[in-house]
N, C-alpha and C. Protein backbone atom coordinates (compact mmCIF):
# COMPACT_ATOMS: atom_id res chain seq x y z
N UNK A 1 -165.83 106.85 -115.38
CA UNK A 1 -165.08 106.96 -116.03
C UNK A 1 -163.39 106.40 -115.96
N UNK A 2 -162.89 106.39 -114.56
CA UNK A 2 -161.85 105.86 -114.34
C UNK A 2 -162.10 104.57 -114.79
N UNK A 3 -162.82 103.78 -114.54
CA UNK A 3 -163.15 102.48 -114.66
C UNK A 3 -163.04 102.08 -116.20
N UNK A 4 -163.82 103.07 -117.01
CA UNK A 4 -163.59 102.77 -118.53
C UNK A 4 -162.42 102.89 -118.82
N UNK A 5 -161.47 104.07 -118.38
CA UNK A 5 -159.99 104.34 -118.96
C UNK A 5 -158.89 102.84 -118.76
N UNK A 6 -159.49 102.36 -117.33
CA UNK A 6 -158.76 101.08 -116.89
C UNK A 6 -159.09 100.01 -117.50
N UNK A 7 -160.63 100.03 -118.08
CA UNK A 7 -160.92 98.65 -119.04
C UNK A 7 -160.43 98.90 -120.27
N UNK A 8 -160.10 99.94 -120.90
CA UNK A 8 -159.59 100.36 -122.30
C UNK A 8 -158.23 100.08 -122.13
N UNK A 9 -157.36 100.41 -121.12
CA UNK A 9 -155.94 100.00 -121.15
C UNK A 9 -155.67 98.66 -120.78
N UNK A 10 -156.63 97.75 -120.24
CA UNK A 10 -156.34 96.51 -119.98
C UNK A 10 -156.51 95.60 -121.22
N UNK A 11 -157.63 96.10 -121.90
CA UNK A 11 -157.66 95.62 -123.18
C UNK A 11 -156.70 95.84 -124.24
N UNK A 12 -156.18 96.68 -124.21
CA UNK A 12 -155.11 97.32 -125.10
C UNK A 12 -154.07 96.30 -124.53
N UNK A 13 -153.53 96.33 -123.21
CA UNK A 13 -152.46 95.70 -122.78
C UNK A 13 -152.93 94.25 -123.35
N UNK A 14 -153.74 93.68 -123.14
CA UNK A 14 -154.00 91.96 -123.45
C UNK A 14 -153.94 91.66 -124.75
N UNK A 15 -154.26 92.85 -125.72
CA UNK A 15 -154.00 92.30 -127.10
C UNK A 15 -152.36 92.68 -127.64
N UNK A 16 -151.69 93.39 -126.90
CA UNK A 16 -150.26 93.67 -127.03
C UNK A 16 -149.59 92.50 -126.56
N UNK A 17 -150.02 91.96 -125.33
CA UNK A 17 -149.25 90.36 -125.02
C UNK A 17 -149.54 89.66 -125.88
N UNK A 18 -150.90 89.23 -126.30
CA UNK A 18 -151.27 88.17 -127.29
C UNK A 18 -150.43 88.21 -128.50
N UNK A 19 -149.92 89.46 -129.25
CA UNK A 19 -148.94 89.43 -130.18
C UNK A 19 -147.82 88.98 -129.58
N UNK A 20 -147.42 89.18 -128.37
CA UNK A 20 -146.11 88.56 -127.92
C UNK A 20 -145.72 87.36 -128.14
N UNK A 21 -147.09 86.54 -127.74
CA UNK A 21 -147.28 85.29 -127.43
C UNK A 21 -147.21 84.69 -128.78
N UNK A 22 -147.44 85.21 -129.86
CA UNK A 22 -147.26 84.60 -131.39
C UNK A 22 -145.74 84.60 -131.74
N UNK A 23 -145.15 85.83 -131.28
CA UNK A 23 -143.56 85.93 -131.73
C UNK A 23 -142.95 84.60 -130.63
N UNK A 24 -143.08 84.35 -129.49
CA UNK A 24 -142.85 83.48 -128.59
C UNK A 24 -142.78 82.18 -128.74
N UNK A 25 -144.08 81.87 -129.73
CA UNK A 25 -144.22 80.70 -130.22
C UNK A 25 -143.53 80.05 -131.40
N UNK A 26 -142.78 81.05 -132.04
CA UNK A 26 -141.54 80.45 -133.38
C UNK A 26 -140.56 79.81 -132.20
N UNK A 27 -140.35 78.62 -132.83
CA UNK A 27 -139.18 77.58 -132.07
C UNK A 27 -137.99 78.56 -132.22
N UNK A 28 -137.08 78.04 -131.51
CA UNK A 28 -135.48 78.65 -131.88
C UNK A 28 -135.15 79.94 -131.89
N UNK A 29 -136.32 80.93 -131.60
CA UNK A 29 -135.89 82.50 -131.54
C UNK A 29 -135.94 83.20 -133.03
N UNK A 30 -136.27 82.43 -133.89
CA UNK A 30 -136.25 83.04 -135.46
C UNK A 30 -137.58 83.99 -135.35
N UNK A 31 -136.91 85.25 -135.96
CA UNK A 31 -137.92 86.26 -135.58
C UNK A 31 -138.83 86.33 -136.84
N UNK A 32 -140.00 86.46 -136.58
CA UNK A 32 -141.32 86.79 -137.16
C UNK A 32 -141.38 87.54 -138.62
N UNK A 33 -140.28 88.36 -138.55
CA UNK A 33 -139.83 89.28 -139.87
C UNK A 33 -138.98 88.36 -140.66
N UNK A 34 -138.24 87.49 -140.48
CA UNK A 34 -137.08 86.79 -141.24
C UNK A 34 -137.95 86.42 -142.40
N UNK A 35 -136.74 86.79 -143.56
CA UNK A 35 -137.39 86.83 -144.88
C UNK A 35 -137.82 85.52 -145.33
N UNK A 36 -136.86 84.37 -144.90
CA UNK A 36 -137.32 83.01 -145.56
C UNK A 36 -138.42 82.59 -144.90
N UNK A 37 -138.55 82.71 -143.46
CA UNK A 37 -139.73 82.13 -142.77
C UNK A 37 -141.26 83.13 -143.32
N UNK A 38 -141.22 84.13 -143.80
CA UNK A 38 -142.14 84.43 -144.35
C UNK A 38 -142.40 84.13 -145.77
N UNK A 39 -141.37 83.95 -146.55
CA UNK A 39 -141.77 83.26 -147.64
C UNK A 39 -142.36 81.97 -147.64
N UNK A 40 -142.12 81.23 -146.82
CA UNK A 40 -142.59 79.90 -146.40
C UNK A 40 -144.02 80.11 -146.13
N UNK A 41 -144.29 80.91 -145.20
CA UNK A 41 -145.51 81.06 -144.55
C UNK A 41 -146.60 81.42 -145.68
N UNK A 42 -146.13 82.61 -146.51
CA UNK A 42 -146.93 83.53 -147.29
C UNK A 42 -147.32 82.47 -148.64
N UNK A 43 -146.15 81.78 -149.19
CA UNK A 43 -146.10 80.99 -150.51
C UNK A 43 -146.34 79.38 -150.37
N UNK A 44 -146.18 78.79 -149.29
CA UNK A 44 -146.51 77.53 -149.17
C UNK A 44 -147.73 77.35 -148.17
N UNK A 45 -147.71 78.31 -147.08
CA UNK A 45 -149.00 78.27 -146.29
C UNK A 45 -148.47 77.64 -144.89
N UNK A 46 -147.16 77.21 -144.75
CA UNK A 46 -146.82 76.69 -143.67
C UNK A 46 -147.47 77.53 -142.41
N UNK A 47 -147.34 77.15 -141.27
CA UNK A 47 -147.53 77.83 -140.15
C UNK A 47 -145.57 78.40 -139.41
N UNK A 48 -145.63 79.00 -138.76
CA UNK A 48 -144.22 79.26 -138.37
C UNK A 48 -143.67 78.29 -137.59
N UNK A 49 -144.30 77.74 -137.00
CA UNK A 49 -143.73 76.25 -136.26
C UNK A 49 -143.05 75.44 -137.36
N UNK A 50 -144.08 74.96 -138.59
CA UNK A 50 -143.55 74.05 -139.36
C UNK A 50 -142.47 74.61 -140.26
N UNK A 51 -142.64 75.77 -140.74
CA UNK A 51 -141.54 76.69 -141.37
C UNK A 51 -140.27 76.65 -140.64
N UNK A 52 -140.31 77.09 -139.69
CA UNK A 52 -139.09 77.10 -138.78
C UNK A 52 -138.44 75.56 -138.59
N UNK A 53 -139.01 74.79 -138.03
CA UNK A 53 -138.82 73.12 -138.05
C UNK A 53 -138.31 72.61 -139.31
N UNK A 54 -138.98 73.06 -140.35
CA UNK A 54 -138.53 72.42 -141.57
C UNK A 54 -137.22 72.79 -141.78
N UNK A 55 -137.18 74.25 -142.06
CA UNK A 55 -135.86 74.75 -142.24
C UNK A 55 -134.45 74.22 -141.22
N UNK A 56 -134.96 74.26 -140.15
CA UNK A 56 -134.11 73.73 -139.10
C UNK A 56 -133.66 72.48 -139.68
N UNK A 57 -134.60 71.35 -139.97
CA UNK A 57 -134.41 70.27 -140.33
C UNK A 57 -133.52 69.97 -141.63
N UNK A 58 -133.85 70.66 -142.48
CA UNK A 58 -133.02 71.07 -143.67
C UNK A 58 -131.21 71.30 -143.33
N UNK A 59 -131.56 72.23 -142.58
CA UNK A 59 -129.92 72.83 -141.85
C UNK A 59 -129.38 71.55 -141.27
N UNK A 60 -129.85 70.92 -140.28
CA UNK A 60 -129.57 69.70 -139.39
C UNK A 60 -129.18 68.71 -140.31
N UNK A 61 -129.78 68.64 -141.68
CA UNK A 61 -129.27 67.53 -142.39
C UNK A 61 -127.51 67.88 -143.20
N UNK A 62 -127.93 69.09 -143.64
CA UNK A 62 -126.55 69.69 -144.17
C UNK A 62 -125.57 69.74 -143.45
N UNK A 63 -125.71 70.26 -142.21
CA UNK A 63 -124.73 70.36 -141.40
C UNK A 63 -124.18 69.06 -140.93
N UNK A 64 -124.89 67.82 -141.00
CA UNK A 64 -124.58 66.38 -140.36
C UNK A 64 -123.62 65.87 -141.68
N UNK A 65 -123.85 66.50 -142.67
CA UNK A 65 -123.51 65.79 -144.14
C UNK A 65 -122.14 66.57 -144.88
N UNK A 66 -122.26 67.75 -144.42
CA UNK A 66 -121.08 68.45 -145.11
C UNK A 66 -119.94 68.81 -144.10
N UNK A 67 -118.67 69.23 -144.82
CA UNK A 67 -117.71 69.54 -144.04
C UNK A 67 -118.08 71.11 -143.50
N UNK A 68 -117.40 71.33 -142.63
CA UNK A 68 -117.96 72.85 -141.71
C UNK A 68 -117.69 73.86 -142.73
N UNK A 69 -116.64 74.10 -143.70
CA UNK A 69 -116.71 75.06 -144.60
C UNK A 69 -117.81 74.99 -145.63
N UNK A 70 -117.80 73.96 -145.83
CA UNK A 70 -119.17 73.79 -146.93
C UNK A 70 -120.43 74.41 -146.22
N UNK A 71 -120.65 73.70 -145.28
CA UNK A 71 -122.19 74.21 -144.37
C UNK A 71 -122.22 75.57 -144.13
N UNK A 72 -121.09 76.33 -143.72
CA UNK A 72 -121.00 77.48 -143.55
C UNK A 72 -121.65 78.54 -144.55
N UNK A 73 -121.00 77.93 -145.76
CA UNK A 73 -121.74 78.90 -147.18
C UNK A 73 -123.24 78.85 -147.26
N UNK A 74 -123.89 77.75 -146.34
CA UNK A 74 -125.07 77.45 -146.28
C UNK A 74 -125.96 78.26 -145.27
N UNK A 75 -125.08 78.11 -144.11
CA UNK A 75 -125.59 78.71 -143.00
C UNK A 75 -125.81 80.13 -143.20
N UNK A 76 -124.79 80.75 -143.88
CA UNK A 76 -124.52 82.33 -144.21
C UNK A 76 -125.58 83.05 -145.03
N UNK A 77 -125.89 81.99 -146.10
CA UNK A 77 -127.11 82.57 -146.91
C UNK A 77 -128.52 82.57 -145.92
N UNK A 78 -128.65 81.94 -144.90
CA UNK A 78 -129.67 82.11 -144.09
C UNK A 78 -129.94 82.87 -143.06
N UNK A 79 -130.59 83.93 -142.82
CA UNK A 79 -130.78 84.60 -141.70
C UNK A 79 -131.38 84.11 -140.73
N UNK A 80 -130.66 83.81 -139.64
CA UNK A 80 -131.17 83.16 -138.35
C UNK A 80 -131.10 81.82 -138.56
N UNK A 81 -129.73 81.36 -138.93
CA UNK A 81 -129.70 79.89 -139.46
C UNK A 81 -129.50 79.27 -138.10
N UNK A 82 -128.85 79.90 -136.89
CA UNK A 82 -128.34 79.34 -135.60
C UNK A 82 -130.00 79.03 -135.14
N UNK A 83 -130.85 79.77 -135.23
CA UNK A 83 -132.36 79.85 -134.75
C UNK A 83 -133.01 78.61 -135.34
N UNK A 84 -132.65 78.63 -136.46
CA UNK A 84 -133.41 77.23 -137.12
C UNK A 84 -132.94 76.04 -136.84
N UNK A 85 -131.77 75.77 -136.51
CA UNK A 85 -131.18 75.11 -136.01
C UNK A 85 -131.61 74.47 -134.46
N UNK A 86 -131.53 75.45 -133.85
CA UNK A 86 -131.97 75.34 -132.34
C UNK A 86 -133.56 74.81 -132.35
N UNK A 87 -134.49 75.12 -133.28
CA UNK A 87 -135.53 74.70 -133.48
C UNK A 87 -135.64 73.38 -133.73
N UNK A 88 -134.86 73.00 -134.89
CA UNK A 88 -135.05 71.60 -135.43
C UNK A 88 -134.48 70.58 -134.26
N UNK A 89 -133.79 71.12 -133.62
CA UNK A 89 -132.95 70.43 -132.46
C UNK A 89 -134.10 70.05 -131.21
N UNK A 90 -134.82 71.06 -130.99
CA UNK A 90 -136.00 71.07 -129.88
C UNK A 90 -137.26 70.16 -130.66
N UNK A 91 -137.40 70.45 -131.61
CA UNK A 91 -138.87 69.92 -132.15
C UNK A 91 -138.82 68.40 -132.81
N UNK A 92 -137.48 68.32 -133.40
CA UNK A 92 -137.36 66.93 -134.03
C UNK A 92 -135.98 65.89 -133.91
N UNK A 93 -135.01 66.96 -133.02
CA UNK A 93 -133.89 66.25 -132.84
C UNK A 93 -132.96 66.45 -134.19
N UNK A 94 -131.92 65.63 -134.24
CA UNK A 94 -130.63 65.81 -135.22
C UNK A 94 -131.14 65.14 -136.36
N UNK A 95 -130.69 65.52 -137.74
CA UNK A 95 -131.32 65.08 -138.71
C UNK A 95 -129.91 64.33 -139.85
N UNK A 96 -129.90 63.16 -139.81
CA UNK A 96 -128.53 62.28 -140.39
C UNK A 96 -128.63 62.00 -141.85
N UNK A 97 -130.15 61.74 -142.35
CA UNK A 97 -130.59 61.28 -143.46
C UNK A 97 -131.72 61.75 -144.03
N UNK A 98 -131.89 61.77 -145.61
CA UNK A 98 -133.01 62.39 -146.21
C UNK A 98 -134.41 61.20 -145.38
N UNK A 99 -134.41 59.90 -145.03
CA UNK A 99 -135.56 59.35 -144.57
C UNK A 99 -135.65 60.21 -143.14
N UNK A 100 -134.85 60.41 -142.23
CA UNK A 100 -135.12 61.40 -141.09
C UNK A 100 -135.51 62.70 -141.52
N UNK A 101 -135.14 63.23 -142.66
CA UNK A 101 -135.91 64.42 -142.84
C UNK A 101 -137.26 64.41 -143.20
N UNK A 102 -137.31 63.51 -143.88
CA UNK A 102 -138.89 63.26 -144.47
C UNK A 102 -139.91 62.67 -143.28
N UNK A 103 -139.04 62.07 -142.28
CA UNK A 103 -139.81 61.97 -140.88
C UNK A 103 -140.06 62.75 -139.87
N UNK A 104 -139.22 63.89 -139.93
CA UNK A 104 -139.16 65.05 -139.48
C UNK A 104 -140.26 65.89 -139.81
N UNK A 105 -140.14 65.75 -141.14
CA UNK A 105 -141.32 66.79 -141.95
C UNK A 105 -142.99 66.37 -141.21
N UNK A 106 -143.13 64.96 -141.48
CA UNK A 106 -144.12 64.38 -141.35
C UNK A 106 -144.59 64.28 -139.85
N UNK A 107 -143.63 64.70 -138.88
CA UNK A 107 -143.97 64.89 -137.46
C UNK A 107 -144.40 66.35 -137.18
N UNK A 108 -143.69 67.49 -137.88
CA UNK A 108 -144.30 68.38 -137.90
C UNK A 108 -145.25 69.08 -138.53
N UNK A 109 -146.27 68.14 -139.12
CA UNK A 109 -147.34 68.14 -139.80
C UNK A 109 -147.41 68.95 -141.24
N UNK A 110 -146.06 68.47 -141.87
CA UNK A 110 -145.97 69.38 -143.09
C UNK A 110 -146.26 68.14 -144.12
N UNK A 111 -147.24 68.11 -145.15
CA UNK A 111 -147.72 67.13 -146.08
C UNK A 111 -146.67 67.06 -147.18
N UNK A 112 -146.57 65.70 -147.55
CA UNK A 112 -145.70 65.52 -148.82
C UNK A 112 -145.71 66.63 -149.89
N UNK A 113 -146.61 67.06 -150.11
CA UNK A 113 -146.94 67.87 -151.12
C UNK A 113 -146.36 69.40 -150.84
N UNK A 114 -146.48 69.71 -149.48
CA UNK A 114 -146.05 70.86 -148.74
C UNK A 114 -144.22 70.67 -148.94
N UNK A 115 -144.09 69.55 -148.37
CA UNK A 115 -142.66 69.33 -148.39
C UNK A 115 -141.61 69.31 -149.76
N UNK A 116 -142.50 69.03 -150.91
CA UNK A 116 -142.15 69.06 -152.02
C UNK A 116 -142.13 70.50 -152.62
N UNK A 117 -142.48 71.42 -151.99
CA UNK A 117 -142.54 72.97 -152.16
C UNK A 117 -141.58 73.30 -151.25
N UNK A 118 -141.39 73.07 -150.08
CA UNK A 118 -140.71 73.44 -148.94
C UNK A 118 -139.17 73.51 -149.20
N UNK A 119 -138.42 72.02 -149.61
CA UNK A 119 -137.15 71.93 -150.16
C UNK A 119 -136.87 72.86 -151.09
N UNK A 120 -137.38 73.08 -152.52
CA UNK A 120 -136.83 73.73 -153.31
C UNK A 120 -136.87 75.42 -153.21
N UNK A 121 -137.69 75.64 -152.36
CA UNK A 121 -137.83 76.94 -151.81
C UNK A 121 -136.84 77.37 -150.98
N UNK A 122 -136.24 76.58 -150.12
CA UNK A 122 -135.27 76.65 -149.32
C UNK A 122 -134.01 76.47 -150.01
N UNK A 123 -133.77 75.75 -150.91
CA UNK A 123 -132.95 75.68 -151.90
C UNK A 123 -132.48 76.74 -152.71
N UNK A 124 -133.63 77.53 -152.99
CA UNK A 124 -133.36 78.23 -154.11
C UNK A 124 -133.15 79.83 -153.39
N UNK A 125 -133.78 79.83 -152.03
CA UNK A 125 -133.52 81.06 -151.18
C UNK A 125 -131.89 80.90 -150.94
N UNK A 126 -131.30 79.71 -150.80
CA UNK A 126 -129.68 79.71 -150.44
C UNK A 126 -129.37 80.00 -151.82
N UNK A 127 -129.76 79.72 -152.58
CA UNK A 127 -128.97 79.78 -153.99
C UNK A 127 -128.74 81.61 -154.76
N UNK A 128 -129.92 82.21 -154.23
CA UNK A 128 -130.18 83.48 -154.23
C UNK A 128 -129.26 84.35 -153.29
N UNK A 129 -129.25 83.70 -152.21
CA UNK A 129 -128.67 84.55 -150.82
C UNK A 129 -127.24 84.07 -150.85
N UNK A 130 -126.93 83.24 -151.03
CA UNK A 130 -125.51 82.63 -150.85
C UNK A 130 -124.85 82.28 -152.02
N UNK A 131 -125.50 82.45 -152.95
CA UNK A 131 -124.45 82.08 -154.40
C UNK A 131 -124.99 80.91 -154.99
N UNK A 132 -124.79 80.46 -156.02
CA UNK A 132 -124.91 79.42 -156.84
C UNK A 132 -124.25 77.97 -155.87
N UNK A 133 -122.98 78.16 -155.72
CA UNK A 133 -122.07 77.21 -155.12
C UNK A 133 -123.27 76.72 -153.82
N UNK A 134 -123.43 77.39 -153.05
CA UNK A 134 -124.26 77.21 -151.80
C UNK A 134 -125.64 76.53 -152.08
N UNK A 135 -126.07 76.93 -153.22
CA UNK A 135 -127.39 76.29 -153.35
C UNK A 135 -127.32 74.93 -153.86
N UNK A 136 -126.04 74.68 -154.72
CA UNK A 136 -125.81 73.26 -155.30
C UNK A 136 -125.37 72.59 -154.22
N UNK A 137 -124.47 73.17 -153.15
CA UNK A 137 -124.24 72.00 -152.02
C UNK A 137 -125.45 71.76 -151.32
N UNK A 138 -126.35 72.40 -151.00
CA UNK A 138 -127.38 72.19 -150.27
C UNK A 138 -128.68 71.18 -151.17
N UNK A 139 -128.71 71.48 -152.51
CA UNK A 139 -129.27 70.78 -153.29
C UNK A 139 -128.58 69.12 -153.50
N UNK A 140 -127.33 69.09 -153.24
CA UNK A 140 -126.79 67.68 -153.10
C UNK A 140 -127.15 66.84 -152.12
N UNK A 141 -126.84 67.77 -150.94
CA UNK A 141 -127.48 66.87 -149.49
C UNK A 141 -128.69 66.49 -149.84
N UNK A 142 -129.83 67.15 -150.07
CA UNK A 142 -131.34 66.78 -150.25
C UNK A 142 -131.49 65.67 -151.34
N UNK A 143 -130.63 65.07 -152.22
CA UNK A 143 -130.97 64.08 -153.18
C UNK A 143 -130.97 62.75 -152.47
């Protein structure tokens, strides 16, 4: 009886730990319940690493292309923006051009078709969360 209880406890504990490893595998400390991350994984079918790295890469380009106050409008519209940026730095480095952005997407395993859905999804999210001006700023960087 004690052995059975121990075995059941061990199984329950291992299941709990495996759930933690999924959260730990999301780069940059972005939360699994982040609304933008959920949108990209549910609607586009990206995995958490691709979605996090993709958004971070977009933010990295925006950060390197815009003035600080302009970038702040975009960053404030994305919950966990710092985590996305940290993930991009860890996964693909700093992004300074659209060509580097496309290369980053490729290195993350994001197909051109998925990238074609990722970019407008992030831009729309920023426009809805941060206002039309923030969405327009981001769209301008991504042209």
